Structures are given as C-alpha cells and as structure tokens.
PDB file of N, CA and C in Angstrom:
ATOM      1  N   MET A   1      55.355  86.081 132.990  1.00  0.00           N
ATOM      2  CA  MET A   1      57.363  86.032 132.793  1.00  0.00           C
ATOM      3  C   MET A   1      57.584  85.918 131.148  1.00  0.00           C
ATOM      4  N   ILE A   2      58.475  86.953 131.330  1.00  0.00           N
ATOM      5  CA  ILE A   2      59.313  87.574 130.438  1.00  0.00           C
ATOM      6  C   ILE A   2      60.642  87.134 130.616  1.00  0.00           C
ATOM      7  N   LEU A   3      61.160  86.196 129.317  1.00  0.00           N
ATOM      8  CA  LEU A   3      62.576  85.912 129.277  1.00  0.00           C
ATOM      9  C   LEU A   3      62.819  86.748 128.341  1.00  0.00           C
ATOM     10  N   ILE A   4      64.462  87.166 128.537  1.00  0.00           N
ATOM     11  CA  ILE A   4      64.796  87.512 127.152  1.00  0.00           C
ATOM     12  C   ILE A   4      66.065  87.209 127.206  1.00  0.00           C
ATOM     13  N   ILE A   5      66.726  86.498 126.459  1.00  0.00           N
ATOM     14  CA  ILE A   5      67.478  86.058 126.062  1.00  0.00           C
ATOM     15  C   ILE A   5      69.003  86.674 124.820  1.00  0.00           C
ATOM     16  N   ILE A   6      69.990  86.960 125.711  1.00  0.00           N
ATOM     17  CA  ILE A   6      70.571  87.786 124.737  1.00  0.00           C
ATOM     18  C   ILE A   6      72.106  86.945 124.497  1.00  0.00           C
ATOM     19  N   SER A   7      72.424  86.794 123.393  1.00  0.00           N
ATOM     20  CA  SER A   7      73.530  86.249 122.828  1.00  0.00           C
ATOM     21  C   SER A   7      74.760  86.890 123.016  1.00  0.00           C
ATOM     22  N   CYS A   8      75.890  86.478 123.080  1.00  0.00           N
ATOM     23  CA  CYS A   8      76.868  86.946 123.504  1.00  0.00           C
ATOM     24  C   CYS A   8      78.125  86.782 122.968  1.00  0.00           C
ATOM     25  N   LYS A   9      77.426  86.196 121.366  1.00  0.00           N
ATOM     26  CA  LYS A   9      78.364  85.579 120.537  1.00  0.00           C
ATOM     27  C   LYS A   9      79.158  86.644 119.859  1.00  0.00           C
ATOM     28  N   LYS A  10      80.485  86.068 120.131  1.00  0.00           N
ATOM     29  CA  LYS A  10      81.950  87.457 119.680  1.00  0.00           C
ATOM     30  C   LYS A  10      81.184  87.267 117.839  1.00  0.00           C
ATOM     31  N   GLU A  11      81.435  87.790 116.674  1.00  0.00           N
ATOM     32  CA  GLU A  11      81.485  87.794 115.553  1.00  0.00           C
ATOM     33  C   GLU A  11      83.271  87.449 115.469  1.00  0.00           C
ATOM     34  N   ASP A  12      83.060  86.269 114.535  1.00  0.00           N
ATOM     35  CA  ASP A  12      84.589  86.378 114.199  1.00  0.00           C
ATOM     36  C   ASP A  12      85.215  87.228 112.870  1.00  0.00           C
ATOM     37  N   LYS A  13      85.990  87.574 113.188  1.00  0.00           N
ATOM     38  CA  LYS A  13      86.593  88.279 111.730  1.00  0.00           C
ATOM     39  C   LYS A  13      87.429  87.602 111.643  1.00  0.00           C
ATOM     40  N   LYS A  14      87.393  87.523 110.061  1.00  0.00           N
ATOM     41  CA  LYS A  14      88.313  86.801 109.148  1.00  0.00           C
ATOM     42  C   LYS A  14      89.639  87.707 108.824  1.00  0.00           C
ATOM     43  N   GLU A  15      90.970  86.614 108.646  1.00  0.00           N
ATOM     44  CA  GLU A  15      91.524  87.311 108.349  1.00  0.00           C
ATOM     45  C   GLU A  15      92.048  87.638 106.722  1.00  0.00           C
ATOM     46  N   VAL A  16      92.299  88.818 106.305  1.00  0.00           N
ATOM     47  CA  VAL A  16      92.605  88.854 104.734  1.00  0.00           C
ATOM     48  C   VAL A  16      94.039  88.902 104.216  1.00  0.00           C
ATOM     49  N   LEU A  17      94.777  89.041 105.593  1.00  0.00           N
ATOM     50  CA  LEU A  17      96.195  89.356 104.860  1.00  0.00           C
ATOM     51  C   LEU A  17      96.899  88.867 106.154  1.00  0.00           C
ATOM     52  N   LEU A  18      98.222  87.590 105.904  1.00  0.00           N
ATOM     53  CA  LEU A  18      98.929  87.434 106.904  1.00  0.00           C
ATOM     54  C   LEU A  18     100.356  87.294 106.703  1.00  0.00           C
ATOM     55  N   ALA A  19     101.292  88.225 107.368  1.00  0.00           N
ATOM     56  CA  ALA A  19     102.956  88.215 106.629  1.00  0.00           C
ATOM     57  C   ALA A  19     103.692  88.491 107.917  1.00  0.00           C
ATOM     58  N   ASP A  20     104.660  87.969 107.686  1.00  0.00           N
ATOM     59  CA  ASP A  20     105.843  87.766 109.162  1.00  0.00           C
ATOM     60  C   ASP A  20     107.101  87.529 108.558  1.00  0.00           C
ATOM     61  N   ARG A  21     107.968  88.121 109.429  1.00  0.00           N
ATOM     62  CA  ARG A  21     109.451  87.852 108.885  1.00  0.00           C
ATOM     63  C   ARG A  21     110.258  87.365 110.627  1.00  0.00           C
ATOM     64  N   GLU A  22     111.114  86.652 110.202  1.00  0.00           N
ATOM     65  CA  GLU A  22     112.192  86.409 111.437  1.00  0.00           C
ATOM     66  C   GLU A  22     112.883  87.285 111.516  1.00  0.00           C
ATOM     67  N   ALA A  23     112.890  87.846 112.978  1.00  0.00           N
ATOM     68  CA  ALA A  23     113.917  89.023 113.297  1.00  0.00           C
ATOM     69  C   ALA A  23     114.693  88.667 114.206  1.00  0.00           C
ATOM     70  N   PRO A  24     116.047  89.218 114.774  1.00  0.00           N
ATOM     71  CA  PRO A  24     116.673  89.029 115.779  1.00  0.00           C
ATOM     72  C   PRO A  24     116.153  88.738 116.891  1.00  0.00           C
ATOM     73  N   LEU A  25     116.492  87.273 117.086  1.00  0.00           N
ATOM     74  CA  LEU A  25     115.209  86.881 118.482  1.00  0.00           C
ATOM     75  C   LEU A  25     114.292  87.127 118.897  1.00  0.00           C
ATOM     76  N   GLY A  26     113.226  86.475 117.936  1.00  0.00           N
ATOM     77  CA  GLY A  26     111.954  86.228 117.817  1.00  0.00           C
ATOM     78  C   GLY A  26     111.082  86.834 115.946  1.00  0.00           C
ATOM     79  N   TRP A  27     110.542  87.578 116.112  1.00  0.00           N
ATOM     80  CA  TRP A  27     109.801  87.703 114.722  1.00  0.00           C
ATOM     81  C   TRP A  27     108.569  88.659 114.516  1.00  0.00           C
ATOM     82  N   ILE A  28     108.176  89.399 113.630  1.00  0.00           N
ATOM     83  CA  ILE A  28     107.244  90.283 113.148  1.00  0.00           C
ATOM     84  C   ILE A  28     105.600  89.580 112.787  1.00  0.00           C
ATOM     85  N   TYR A  29     104.763  90.054 113.481  1.00  0.00           N
ATOM     86  CA  TYR A  29     103.934  89.085 112.298  1.00  0.00           C
ATOM     87  C   TYR A  29     102.860  90.757 112.229  1.00  0.00           C
ATOM     88  N   LEU A  30     102.160  90.567 110.907  1.00  0.00           N
ATOM     89  CA  LEU A  30     101.015  91.378 110.651  1.00  0.00           C
ATOM     90  C   LEU A  30     100.089  90.198 110.271  1.00  0.00           C
ATOM     91  N   LYS A  31      98.565  90.887 110.824  1.00  0.00           N
ATOM     92  CA  LYS A  31      97.473  90.306 111.030  1.00  0.00           C
ATOM     93  C   LYS A  31      96.673  91.631 110.809  1.00  0.00           C
ATOM     94  N   MET A  32      95.816  91.416 109.563  1.00  0.00           N
ATOM     95  CA  MET A  32      94.591  92.038 108.937  1.00  0.00           C
ATOM     96  C   MET A  32      93.707  91.537 108.878  1.00  0.00           C
ATOM     97  N   TYR A  33      92.273  91.798 109.077  1.00  0.00           N
ATOM     98  CA  TYR A  33      91.474  91.492 109.094  1.00  0.00           C
ATOM     99  C   TYR A  33      90.092  91.770 108.068  1.00  0.00           C
ATOM    100  N   ASP A  34      89.055  91.671 108.079  1.00  0.00           N
ATOM    101  CA  ASP A  34      88.394  91.891 107.210  1.00  0.00           C
ATOM    102  C   ASP A  34      87.380  92.808 107.399  1.00  0.00           C
ATOM    103  N   ASP A  35      87.101  93.357 109.050  1.00  0.00           N
ATOM    104  CA  ASP A  35      86.407  94.331 109.283  1.00  0.00           C
ATOM    105  C   ASP A  35      87.383  95.638 109.692  1.00  0.00           C
ATOM    106  N   ASN A  36      88.910  95.731 108.841  1.00  0.00           N
ATOM    107  CA  ASN A  36      89.310  96.392 108.421  1.00  0.00           C
ATOM    108  C   ASN A  36      90.273  96.806 110.061  1.00  0.00           C
ATOM    109  N   SER A  37      90.653  96.102 110.845  1.00  0.00           N
ATOM    110  CA  SER A  37      91.267  95.912 111.480  1.00  0.00           C
ATOM    111  C   SER A  37      92.472  95.101 111.734  1.00  0.00           C
ATOM    112  N   PHE A  38      93.620  95.436 112.705  1.00  0.00           N
ATOM    113  CA  PHE A  38      94.860  95.117 112.389  1.00  0.00           C
ATOM    114  C   PHE A  38      95.515  94.863 113.436  1.00  0.00           C
ATOM    115  N   GLU A  39      96.681  93.788 113.342  1.00  0.00           N
ATOM    116  CA  GLU A  39      97.471  94.080 114.693  1.00  0.00           C
ATOM    117  C   GLU A  39      99.089  93.807 113.834  1.00  0.00           C
ATOM    118  N   PHE A  40      99.558  94.335 114.468  1.00  0.00           N
ATOM    119  CA  PHE A  40     101.467  94.335 113.803  1.00  0.00           C
ATOM    120  C   PHE A  40     102.242  93.742 115.109  1.00  0.00           C
ATOM    121  N   ILE A  41     102.685  93.057 115.439  1.00  0.00           N
ATOM    122  CA  ILE A  41     102.739  92.367 116.609  1.00  0.00           C
ATOM    123  C   ILE A  41     104.721  92.154 116.727  1.00  0.00           C
ATOM    124  N   SER A  42     105.384  92.430 117.426  1.00  0.00           N
ATOM    125  CA  SER A  42     106.716  92.439 117.637  1.00  0.00           C
ATOM    126  C   SER A  42     107.126  90.953 118.720  1.00  0.00           C
ATOM    127  N   GLN A  43     107.306  90.032 118.459  1.00  0.00           N
ATOM    128  CA  GLN A  43     107.733  89.298 119.729  1.00  0.00           C
ATOM    129  C   GLN A  43     108.651  88.788 119.533  1.00  0.00           C
ATOM    130  N   GLY A  44     109.313  88.298 120.246  1.00  0.00           N
ATOM    131  CA  GLY A  44     111.128  88.087 120.906  1.00  0.00           C
ATOM    132  C   GLY A  44     110.925  86.584 121.694  1.00  0.00           C
ATOM    133  N   MET A  45     111.597  86.219 121.438  1.00  0.00           N
ATOM    134  CA  MET A  45     111.838  84.828 122.658  1.00  0.00           C
ATOM    135  C   MET A  45     112.747  84.701 123.782  1.00  0.00           C
ATOM    136  N   VAL A  46     113.363  86.137 124.128  1.00  0.00           N
ATOM    137  CA  VAL A  46     113.717  86.439 125.153  1.00  0.00           C
ATOM    138  C   VAL A  46     112.847  88.044 125.809  1.00  0.00           C
ATOM    139  N   ARG A  47     111.859  88.456 124.738  1.00  0.00           N
ATOM    140  CA  ARG A  47     111.298  89.411 125.443  1.00  0.00           C
ATOM    141  C   ARG A  47     109.573  89.218 125.469  1.00  0.00           C
ATOM    142  N   ASP A  48     108.601  89.955 126.254  1.00  0.00           N
ATOM    143  CA  ASP A  48     107.894  89.918 125.852  1.00  0.00           C
ATOM    144  C   ASP A  48     107.124  90.398 124.416  1.00  0.00           C
ATOM    145  N   LYS A  49     106.000  90.101 124.360  1.00  0.00           N
ATOM    146  CA  LYS A  49     105.593  90.914 122.003  1.00  0.00           C
ATOM    147  C   LYS A  49     104.692  92.118 122.843  1.00  0.00           C
ATOM    148  N   ASP A  50     105.113  92.505 122.258  1.00  0.00           N
ATOM    149  CA  ASP A  50     104.507  94.026 121.509  1.00  0.00           C
ATOM    150  C   ASP A  50     103.689  94.399 120.760  1.00  0.00           C
ATOM    151  N   VAL A  51     102.057  94.448 120.751  1.00  0.00           N
ATOM    152  CA  VAL A  51     100.748  94.700 119.834  1.00  0.00           C
ATOM    153  C   VAL A  51     100.438  96.143 119.777  1.00  0.00           C
ATOM    154  N   TYR A  52     100.403  95.989 118.407  1.00  0.00           N
ATOM    155  CA  TYR A  52     100.230  97.610 117.668  1.00  0.00           C
ATOM    156  C   TYR A  52      98.923  96.865 117.295  1.00  0.00           C
ATOM    157  N   SER A  53      97.722  97.746 117.498  1.00  0.00           N
ATOM    158  CA  SER A  53      96.823  97.717 116.614  1.00  0.00           C
ATOM    159  C   SER A  53      95.713  98.597 116.630  1.00  0.00           C
ATOM    160  N   GLY A  54      94.711  98.899 115.495  1.00  0.00           N
ATOM    161  CA  GLY A  54      93.973  99.512 115.432  1.00  0.00           C
ATOM    162  C   GLY A  54      92.785  99.200 114.147  1.00  0.00           C
ATOM    163  N   SER A  55      93.170 100.127 113.021  1.00  0.00           N
ATOM    164  CA  SER A  55      92.456  99.895 111.719  1.00  0.00           C
ATOM    165  C   SER A  55      93.026 100.377 110.451  1.00  0.00           C
ATOM    166  N   TYR A  56      92.777 100.049 109.438  1.00  0.00           N
ATOM    167  CA  TYR A  56      93.247 100.521 108.110  1.00  0.00           C
ATOM    168  C   TYR A  56      92.788 100.817 106.986  1.00  0.00           C
ATOM    169  N   GLU A  57      93.110 101.498 105.996  1.00  0.00           N
ATOM    170  CA  GLU A  57      92.569 101.832 105.162  1.00  0.00           C
ATOM    171  C   GLU A  57      93.533 101.555 103.929  1.00  0.00           C
ATOM    172  N   LEU A  58      92.602 100.430 102.621  1.00  0.00           N
ATOM    173  CA  LEU A  58      93.435 100.465 101.778  1.00  0.00           C
ATOM    174  C   LEU A  58      93.381 101.329 100.456  1.00  0.00           C
ATOM    175  N   LYS A  59      94.566 101.718  99.627  1.00  0.00           N
ATOM    176  CA  LYS A  59      94.331 103.051  98.404  1.00  0.00           C
ATOM    177  C   LYS A  59      95.117 102.317  97.290  1.00  0.00           C
ATOM    178  N   ASN A  60      94.654 101.235  96.308  1.00  0.00           N
ATOM    179  CA  ASN A  60      95.330 101.013  95.502  1.00  0.00           C
ATOM    180  C   ASN A  60      96.581  99.957  95.782  1.00  0.00           C
ATOM    181  N   ASP A  61      97.899 100.058  96.178  1.00  0.00           N
ATOM    182  CA  ASP A  61      98.728  98.862  96.902  1.00  0.00           C
ATOM    183  C   ASP A  61      99.064  99.786  98.013  1.00  0.00           C
ATOM    184  N   THR A  62      98.913 101.041  98.133  1.00  0.00           N
ATOM    185  CA  THR A  62      99.139 101.313  99.963  1.00  0.00           C
ATOM    186  C   THR A  62      98.307 100.837 101.250  1.00  0.00           C
ATOM    187  N   VAL A  63      98.481 100.532 102.097  1.00  0.00           N
ATOM    188  CA  VAL A  63      97.814 101.007 103.221  1.00  0.00           C
ATOM    189  C   VAL A  63      98.398 101.563 104.109  1.00  0.00           C
ATOM    190  N   TYR A  64      97.084 102.156 105.053  1.00  0.00           N
ATOM    191  CA  TYR A  64      97.328 103.176 105.761  1.00  0.00           C
ATOM    192  C   TYR A  64      96.783 103.055 106.842  1.00  0.00           C
ATOM    193  N   PHE A  65      97.983 102.849 108.220  1.00  0.00           N
ATOM    194  CA  PHE A  65      97.727 101.706 109.195  1.00  0.00           C
ATOM    195  C   PHE A  65      97.150 103.562 110.221  1.00  0.00           C
ATOM    196  N   LYS A  66      95.981 102.953 110.996  1.00  0.00           N
ATOM    197  CA  LYS A  66      95.690 104.318 111.884  1.00  0.00           C
ATOM    198  C   LYS A  66      95.717 103.458 113.593  1.00  0.00           C
ATOM    199  N   TYR A  67      96.442 103.720 114.560  1.00  0.00           N
ATOM    200  CA  TYR A  67      96.981 102.923 115.527  1.00  0.00           C
ATOM    201  C   TYR A  67      96.091 103.382 116.333  1.00  0.00           C
ATOM    202  N   ARG A  68      95.871 102.452 118.008  1.00  0.00           N
ATOM    203  CA  ARG A  68      94.803 102.791 118.747  1.00  0.00           C
ATOM    204  C   ARG A  68      95.380 103.692 119.620  1.00  0.00           C
ATOM    205  N   ASP A  69      96.872 103.573 119.855  1.00  0.00           N
ATOM    206  CA  ASP A  69      98.142 103.343 121.095  1.00  0.00           C
ATOM    207  C   ASP A  69      98.866 104.290 120.026  1.00  0.00           C
ATOM    208  N   SER A  70     100.219 103.915 120.794  1.00  0.00           N
ATOM    209  CA  SER A  70     101.366 104.136 119.859  1.00  0.00           C
ATOM    210  C   SER A  70     101.485 103.247 118.963  1.00  0.00           C
ATOM    211  N   ILE A  71     102.523 103.715 117.808  1.00  0.00           N
ATOM    212  CA  ILE A  71     102.639 103.799 116.443  1.00  0.00           C
ATOM    213  C   ILE A  71     104.327 102.980 116.792  1.00  0.00           C
ATOM    214  N   PRO A  72     104.498 101.571 115.975  1.00  0.00           N
ATOM    215  CA  PRO A  72     105.738 101.162 116.448  1.00  0.00           C
ATOM    216  C   PRO A  72     106.764 102.100 115.165  1.00  0.00           C
ATOM    217  N   LYS A  73     108.137 101.834 115.491  1.00  0.00           N
ATOM    218  CA  LYS A  73     108.714 102.202 114.436  1.00  0.00           C
ATOM    219  C   LYS A  73     108.808 102.402 113.148  1.00  0.00           C
ATOM    220  N   ALA A  74     108.111 101.211 112.526  1.00  0.00           N
ATOM    221  CA  ALA A  74     108.405 101.110 111.348  1.00  0.00           C
ATOM    222  C   ALA A  74     107.300 101.870 110.774  1.00  0.00           C
ATOM    223  N   GLY A  75     106.462 102.463 111.223  1.00  0.00           N
ATOM    224  CA  GLY A  75     105.543 103.568 110.666  1.00  0.00           C
ATOM    225  C   GLY A  75     104.590 103.073 110.616  1.00  0.00           C
ATOM    226  N   SER A  76     103.478 103.764 109.616  1.00  0.00           N
ATOM    227  CA  SER A  76     101.951 103.600 109.493  1.00  0.00           C
ATOM    228  C   SER A  76     101.797 103.883 108.180  1.00  0.00           C
ATOM    229  N   LYS A  77     102.342 103.303 106.999  1.00  0.00           N
ATOM    230  CA  LYS A  77     102.574 103.646 105.964  1.00  0.00           C
ATOM    231  C   LYS A  77     102.865 102.530 105.189  1.00  0.00           C
ATOM    232  N   ALA A  78     102.353 101.664 104.599  1.00  0.00           N
ATOM    233  CA  ALA A  78     103.295 100.419 103.975  1.00  0.00           C
ATOM    234  C   ALA A  78     102.231 100.307 102.305  1.00  0.00           C
ATOM    235  N   VAL A  79     103.690  99.332 101.398  1.00  0.00           N
ATOM    236  CA  VAL A  79     103.148 100.109 100.169  1.00  0.00           C
ATOM    237  C   VAL A  79     103.242  98.072  99.457  1.00  0.00           C
ATOM    238  N   ILE A  80     102.255  97.559  99.244  1.00  0.00           N
ATOM    239  CA  ILE A  80     102.212  96.251  99.216  1.00  0.00           C
ATOM    240  C   ILE A  80     102.557  95.656  97.173  1.00  0.00           C
ATOM    241  N   GLU A  81     103.892  95.000  97.590  1.00  0.00           N
ATOM    242  CA  GLU A  81     104.733  94.666  96.399  1.00  0.00           C
ATOM    243  C   GLU A  81     105.011  93.239  96.004  1.00  0.00           C
ATOM    244  N   LYS A  82     105.308  92.676  95.334  1.00  0.00           N
ATOM    245  CA  LYS A  82     105.931  90.822  94.909  1.00  0.00           C
ATOM    246  C   LYS A  82     106.276  90.349  95.901  1.00  0.00           C
ATOM    247  N   GLY A  83     104.940  90.268  97.104  1.00  0.00           N
ATOM    248  CA  GLY A  83     104.600  89.158  97.926  1.00  0.00           C
ATOM    249  C   GLY A  83     105.027  89.860  99.254  1.00  0.00           C
ATOM    250  N   PHE A  84     105.376  91.097  99.120  1.00  0.00           N
ATOM    251  CA  PHE A  84     105.842  92.164 100.143  1.00  0.00           C
ATOM    252  C   PHE A  84     104.855  92.675 100.799  1.00  0.00           C
ATOM    253  N   VAL A  85     105.277  93.484 102.297  1.00  0.00           N
ATOM    254  CA  VAL A  85     104.183  94.442 103.203  1.00  0.00           C
ATOM    255  C   VAL A  85     105.449  95.718 103.394  1.00  0.00           C
ATOM    256  N   ASN A  86     105.840  96.496 102.216  1.00  0.00           N
ATOM    257  CA  ASN A  86     107.401  97.356 103.329  1.00  0.00           C
ATOM    258  C   ASN A  86     106.564  98.905 103.568  1.00  0.00           C
ATOM    259  N   TYR A  87     106.968  99.047 104.714  1.00  0.00           N
ATOM    260  CA  TYR A  87     106.641 100.120 105.552  1.00  0.00           C
ATOM    261  C   TYR A  87     107.807 100.999 104.881  1.00  0.00           C
ATOM    262  N   ILE A  88     107.193 102.926 104.726  1.00  0.00           N
ATOM    263  CA  ILE A  88     107.835 103.373 104.099  1.00  0.00           C
ATOM    264  C   ILE A  88     108.038 104.594 104.808  1.00  0.00           C
ATOM    265  N   ASN A  89     107.039 104.714 105.753  1.00  0.00           N
ATOM    266  CA  ASN A  89     107.456 105.881 106.721  1.00  0.00           C
ATOM    267  C   ASN A  89     107.865 106.048 108.165  1.00  0.00           C
ATOM    268  N   GLY A  90     108.724 104.971 108.568  1.00  0.00           N
ATOM    269  CA  GLY A  90     109.533 104.812 110.004  1.00  0.00           C
ATOM    270  C   GLY A  90     110.357 104.679 110.251  1.00  0.00           C
ATOM    271  N   SER A  91     111.050 104.846 111.419  1.00  0.00           N
ATOM    272  CA  SER A  91     112.415 105.672 111.577  1.00  0.00           C
ATOM    273  C   SER A  91     113.334 103.989 111.306  1.00  0.00           C
ATOM    274  N   TYR A  92     112.938 103.156 110.696  1.00  0.00           N
ATOM    275  CA  TYR A  92     113.668 102.196 109.862  1.00  0.00           C
ATOM    276  C   TYR A  92     112.915 101.127 109.110  1.00  0.00           C
ATOM    277  N   HIS A  93     113.312 100.910 107.978  1.00  0.00           N
ATOM    278  CA  HIS A  93     113.007 100.034 106.927  1.00  0.00           C
ATOM    279  C   HIS A  93     111.923  98.644 107.575  1.00  0.00           C
ATOM    280  N   GLU A  94     111.029  98.284 107.041  1.00  0.00           N
ATOM    281  CA  GLU A  94     110.495  97.116 107.885  1.00  0.00           C
ATOM    282  C   GLU A  94     109.926  96.392 106.399  1.00  0.00           C
ATOM    283  N   SER A  95     109.878  95.460 106.345  1.00  0.00           N
ATOM    284  CA  SER A  95     109.219  94.451 105.411  1.00  0.00           C
ATOM    285  C   SER A  95     108.944  92.756 105.387  1.00  0.00           C
ATOM    286  N   VAL A  96     107.808  92.497 105.771  1.00  0.00           N
ATOM    287  CA  VAL A  96     107.574  91.375 105.891  1.00  0.00           C
ATOM    288  C   VAL A  96     106.545  90.580 104.803  1.00  0.00           C
ATOM    289  N   GLN A  97     107.183  89.235 104.912  1.00  0.00           N
ATOM    290  CA  GLN A  97     106.573  88.664 103.457  1.00  0.00           C
ATOM    291  C   GLN A  97     105.265  88.419 103.928  1.00  0.00           C
ATOM    292  N   MET A  98     104.066  87.982 102.871  1.00  0.00           N
ATOM    293  CA  MET A  98     102.637  87.798 102.540  1.00  0.00           C
ATOM    294  C   MET A  98     102.987  86.306 102.809  1.00  0.00           C
ATOM    295  N   LYS A  99     101.934  85.503 103.987  1.00  0.00           N
ATOM    296  CA  LYS A  99     101.708  84.236 103.250  1.00  0.00           C
ATOM    297  C   LYS A  99     100.132  84.308 103.047  1.00  0.00           C
ATOM    298  N   LEU A 100      99.133  85.012 103.198  1.00  0.00           N
ATOM    299  CA  LEU A 100      97.691  84.884 102.739  1.00  0.00           C
ATOM    300  C   LEU A 100      97.355  86.634 102.630  1.00  0.00           C
ATOM    301  N   ASN A 101      97.118  86.280 101.330  1.00  0.00           N
ATOM    302  CA  ASN A 101      96.622  87.607 100.332  1.00  0.00           C
ATOM    303  C   ASN A 101      95.182  87.744 100.178  1.00  0.00           C
ATOM    304  N   LYS A 102      93.689  88.233 100.997  1.00  0.00           N
ATOM    305  CA  LYS A 102      92.933  87.947  99.868  1.00  0.00           C
ATOM    306  C   LYS A 102      92.313  89.888 100.278  1.00  0.00           C
ATOM    307  N   LEU A 103      93.372  90.354 100.436  1.00  0.00           N
ATOM    308  CA  LEU A 103      92.797  91.506 100.491  1.00  0.00           C
ATOM    309  C   LEU A 103      92.055  92.482  99.185  1.00  0.00           C
ATOM    310  N   SER A 104      92.191  92.072  97.690  1.00  0.00           N
ATOM    311  CA  SER A 104      91.521  92.206  96.913  1.00  0.00           C
ATOM    312  C   SER A 104      90.497  91.547  96.963  1.00  0.00           C
ATOM    313  N   THR A 105      89.925  90.906  97.288  1.00  0.00           N
ATOM    314  CA  THR A 105      88.759  90.116  96.824  1.00  0.00           C
ATOM    315  C   THR A 105      87.371  90.244  98.305  1.00  0.00           C
ATOM    316  N   HIS A 106      87.991  90.942  99.226  1.00  0.00           N
ATOM    317  CA  HIS A 106      87.227  90.782 100.334  1.00  0.00           C
ATOM    318  C   HIS A 106      86.323  92.285 100.360  1.00  0.00           C
ATOM    319  N   LYS A 107      85.421  92.534 100.965  1.00  0.00           N
ATOM    320  CA  LYS A 107      84.364  93.740 100.955  1.00  0.00           C
ATOM    321  C   LYS A 107      84.190  94.117 102.351  1.00  0.00           C
TER     322      LYS A 107
END
C-alpha cells in the first residue's frame, strides 16, 4: 500500500506596504506583498468594492504596477515620497497615505 499525502497549505504572503485614504462615500486601499503582488481596492459604503490586482516592480522611489485585468483610473505608475504613494500617470491624481512600509527591507 502506498500512501501519498499532499499538503494544500497556502503560503502566507506578508504585507510590505499598506496605504489608504478616505474617498467620497468609501475608501481607497493599496496592499503590496513580499511576493511582488498587490491589490488596489476602491470600496464604497453604498457600492461594491472594485479590486485591481497584479504584480509590481520597485525601481528607486517609483513603483510600476502590472495589472492582471483592467487598470484603475489612478494609473499604473506611482512615486513613493514623504509617507505617501502618489500615482502619476492616471486620468486623475490619486494619493494614498502609507500605514506600513517595509519595502526597502524585504527581498
């Protein structure tokens, strides 16, 4: 008799950057993880939340977001400065305040 045990334990990814801001009737969240994945979430009190996910690349103080599906109007490029993540190539200016930043120390 051969017994094969397969572990389905999901690897927990760790948050390396958390940022948010209050929006009209809701919140904007940015969550970045140590496996270079991220979620950009727009959530309202009276509407469902929109989750945009994908991977990111950090070069100096600039973050390049590669979305899996659609790109939010905030854009796909942001600069980190003075405690904020400032999106710079979207159809409107978006800025979220960092609550946690371990980007410079993770590998």
